[in-house]
């Protein structure tokens, strides 16, 4: 019977971490940090005059906004003169949006056409109804019309029932 020899472990059998990719990564990081530090120095050379915080807050609104609303079914509404306890608008139904817009121009004069008009459409209002209201406002002569979606706000009749 032959005697089995144990194979001698050599240095070649040991697991090693390859150093080439590690060195490549270190050099790439070194180049990245050198380039960004040079850019930071150039950024500091540019003079930027930032406005103070009080310049962005107006004491009063520059212009009065005109609001038109669309409920969930797309029917036009208008804000009531009073607001609810949270300060939100109470929306009242408008039977005819075109006649309501004409009465706004008649009551406040032609200067109202240059005031911003905001259509507050309910989230679930049909998109086409919002486009129709926008077109109607433009046809009546309002030049600064915007559309905004709003949360579910109850009308005055729904609030009185509760």
Protein backbone atom coordinates (compact mmCIF):
# COMPACT_ATOMS: atom_id res chain seq x y z
CA UNK A 1 0.00 0.00 0.00
CA UNK A 2 1.27 3.26 -1.00
CA UNK A 3 1.46 6.07 1.30
CA UNK A 4 -0.64 9.02 0.39
CA UNK A 5 1.05 12.25 0.39
CA UNK A 6 -0.55 15.34 1.51
CA UNK A 7 -0.31 18.02 -0.98
CA UNK A 8 1.64 20.94 0.28
CA UNK A 9 -0.29 24.16 0.24
CA UNK A 10 1.44 26.81 -1.74
CA UNK A 11 1.02 30.52 -1.86
CA UNK A 12 -0.82 30.19 -5.18
CA UNK A 13 -3.80 28.50 -3.55
CA UNK A 14 -4.63 31.36 -1.18
CA UNK A 15 -7.54 33.64 -2.07
CA UNK A 16 -6.56 37.17 -2.91
CA UNK A 17 -8.33 40.43 -3.48
CA UNK A 18 -7.37 41.85 -6.86
CA UNK A 19 -5.74 45.21 -6.32
CA UNK A 20 -5.97 46.62 -9.87
CA UNK A 21 -9.69 47.48 -9.79
CA UNK A 22 -9.34 48.90 -6.29
CA UNK A 23 -6.52 51.19 -7.39
CA UNK A 24 -8.55 52.27 -10.45
CA UNK A 25 -11.49 53.23 -8.20
CA UNK A 26 -9.23 55.20 -5.87
CA UNK A 27 -7.77 57.16 -8.78
CA UNK A 28 -11.22 57.89 -10.19
CA UNK A 29 -12.39 59.17 -6.81
CA UNK A 30 -9.27 61.29 -6.48
CA UNK A 31 -9.88 62.87 -9.91
CA UNK A 32 -13.56 63.47 -9.07
CA UNK A 33 -12.78 65.28 -5.82
CA UNK A 34 -10.03 67.36 -7.44
CA UNK A 35 -12.35 68.52 -10.23
CA UNK A 36 -15.24 69.35 -7.88
CA UNK A 37 -13.00 71.28 -5.52
CA UNK A 38 -11.81 73.44 -8.43
CA UNK A 39 -15.43 74.13 -9.41
CA UNK A 40 -16.32 75.09 -5.84
CA UNK A 41 -13.60 77.74 -5.84
CA UNK A 42 -14.99 79.22 -9.06
CA UNK A 43 -18.52 79.26 -7.63
CA UNK A 44 -17.34 81.35 -4.71
CA UNK A 45 -15.97 83.96 -7.11
CA UNK A 46 -19.39 84.67 -8.66
CA UNK A 47 -21.16 87.49 -6.85
CA UNK A 48 -24.82 86.75 -6.22
CA UNK A 49 -27.05 89.27 -4.50
CA UNK A 50 -29.89 87.34 -2.85
CA UNK A 51 -33.00 89.24 -1.81
CA UNK A 52 -33.95 89.28 1.83
CA UNK A 53 -36.90 87.21 3.00
CA UNK A 54 -39.25 90.14 3.52
CA UNK A 55 -39.10 91.13 -0.15
CA UNK A 56 -41.17 88.11 -1.20
CA UNK A 57 -44.04 88.65 1.23
CA UNK A 58 -46.54 91.29 0.22
CA UNK A 59 -48.45 93.13 2.91
CA UNK A 60 -51.64 93.06 0.84
CA UNK A 61 -52.70 91.44 -2.39
CA UNK A 62 -51.64 93.49 -5.39
CA UNK A 63 -54.74 92.60 -7.38
CA UNK A 64 -58.12 91.23 -6.51
CA UNK A 65 -58.68 87.72 -7.82
CA UNK A 66 -62.01 86.78 -9.34
CA UNK A 67 -63.03 83.20 -8.58
CA UNK A 68 -65.29 80.86 -10.51
CA UNK A 69 -65.84 77.31 -9.33
CA UNK A 70 -66.80 74.01 -10.91
CA UNK A 71 -68.38 71.35 -8.71
CA UNK A 72 -67.88 67.59 -9.10
CA UNK A 73 -70.47 67.42 -11.89
CA UNK A 74 -68.87 70.38 -13.72
CA UNK A 75 -71.64 72.85 -12.91
CA UNK A 76 -70.46 76.46 -12.39
CA UNK A 77 -70.40 77.96 -8.90
CA UNK A 78 -69.37 81.28 -7.39
CA UNK A 79 -68.01 82.14 -3.95
CA UNK A 80 -70.47 83.66 -1.49
CA UNK A 81 -69.70 86.98 0.17
CA UNK A 82 -69.06 85.27 3.50
CA UNK A 83 -66.67 82.41 4.25
CA UNK A 84 -66.94 79.42 6.55
CA UNK A 85 -65.30 79.16 9.97
CA UNK A 86 -62.06 77.88 8.39
CA UNK A 87 -61.84 80.85 6.03
CA UNK A 88 -62.67 78.77 2.95
CA UNK A 89 -65.09 79.87 0.28
CA UNK A 90 -68.71 78.86 0.43
CA UNK A 91 -69.62 77.96 -3.16
CA UNK A 92 -73.06 78.88 -4.49
CA UNK A 93 -74.50 77.50 -7.74
CA UNK A 94 -74.59 79.71 -10.83
CA UNK A 95 -77.39 78.90 -13.25
CA UNK A 96 -75.68 80.49 -16.29
CA UNK A 97 -71.93 81.17 -16.31
CA UNK A 98 -72.06 83.52 -19.33
CA UNK A 99 -74.65 85.81 -17.71
CA UNK A 100 -72.68 85.73 -14.42
CA UNK A 101 -69.51 86.86 -16.22
CA UNK A 102 -71.44 89.60 -18.03
CA UNK A 103 -72.85 90.82 -14.71
CA UNK A 104 -69.31 90.94 -13.26
CA UNK A 105 -68.22 93.19 -16.14
CA UNK A 106 -71.39 95.27 -15.78
CA UNK A 107 -70.98 95.76 -12.02
CA UNK A 108 -67.24 96.43 -11.90
CA UNK A 109 -66.65 97.94 -15.32
CA UNK A 110 -64.28 96.99 -18.13
CA UNK A 111 -61.29 97.16 -15.77
CA UNK A 112 -62.36 93.79 -14.38
CA UNK A 113 -61.33 92.18 -17.68
CA UNK A 114 -57.66 92.82 -16.83
CA UNK A 115 -57.94 91.29 -13.35
CA UNK A 116 -56.84 87.67 -12.91
CA UNK A 117 -59.70 85.18 -12.99
CA UNK A 118 -59.17 81.75 -11.43
CA UNK A 119 -61.36 78.75 -12.21
CA UNK A 120 -61.33 76.43 -9.19
CA UNK A 121 -62.41 73.09 -10.63
CA UNK A 122 -63.31 70.17 -8.40
CA UNK A 123 -60.95 67.23 -8.78
CA UNK A 124 -63.67 65.00 -10.16
CA UNK A 125 -65.15 67.61 -12.51
CA UNK A 126 -65.17 66.51 -16.16
CA UNK A 127 -62.17 67.88 -17.99
CA UNK A 128 -64.28 69.10 -20.90
CA UNK A 129 -66.41 71.22 -18.53
CA UNK A 130 -63.25 72.98 -17.28
CA UNK A 131 -62.13 73.64 -20.87
CA UNK A 132 -65.61 74.96 -21.73
CA UNK A 133 -65.53 77.34 -18.75
CA UNK A 134 -62.03 78.49 -19.72
CA UNK A 135 -63.17 79.14 -23.30
CA UNK A 136 -66.25 81.02 -22.11
CA UNK A 137 -64.14 83.28 -19.89
CA UNK A 138 -61.81 84.03 -22.79
CA UNK A 139 -64.77 84.74 -25.10
CA UNK A 140 -66.21 87.18 -22.55
CA UNK A 141 -62.95 89.16 -22.74
CA UNK A 142 -61.04 88.03 -19.64
CA UNK A 143 -57.38 87.95 -20.57
CA UNK A 144 -55.76 86.48 -17.44
CA UNK A 145 -57.59 83.21 -16.79
CA UNK A 146 -56.09 80.24 -14.93
CA UNK A 147 -57.46 76.85 -13.90
CA UNK A 148 -56.77 75.21 -10.55
CA UNK A 149 -58.06 71.96 -9.09
CA UNK A 150 -59.37 71.94 -5.55
CA UNK A 151 -60.35 69.46 -2.87
CA UNK A 152 -63.92 68.44 -2.16
CA UNK A 153 -65.55 71.59 -0.86
CA UNK A 154 -69.22 71.44 0.01
CA UNK A 155 -71.64 74.06 -1.22
CA UNK A 156 -73.56 76.25 1.19
CA UNK A 157 -76.72 74.14 0.90
CA UNK A 158 -74.79 70.99 1.85
CA UNK A 159 -73.24 72.77 4.85
CA UNK A 160 -76.57 74.02 6.08
CA UNK A 161 -78.01 70.50 6.00
CA UNK A 162 -75.30 69.23 8.37
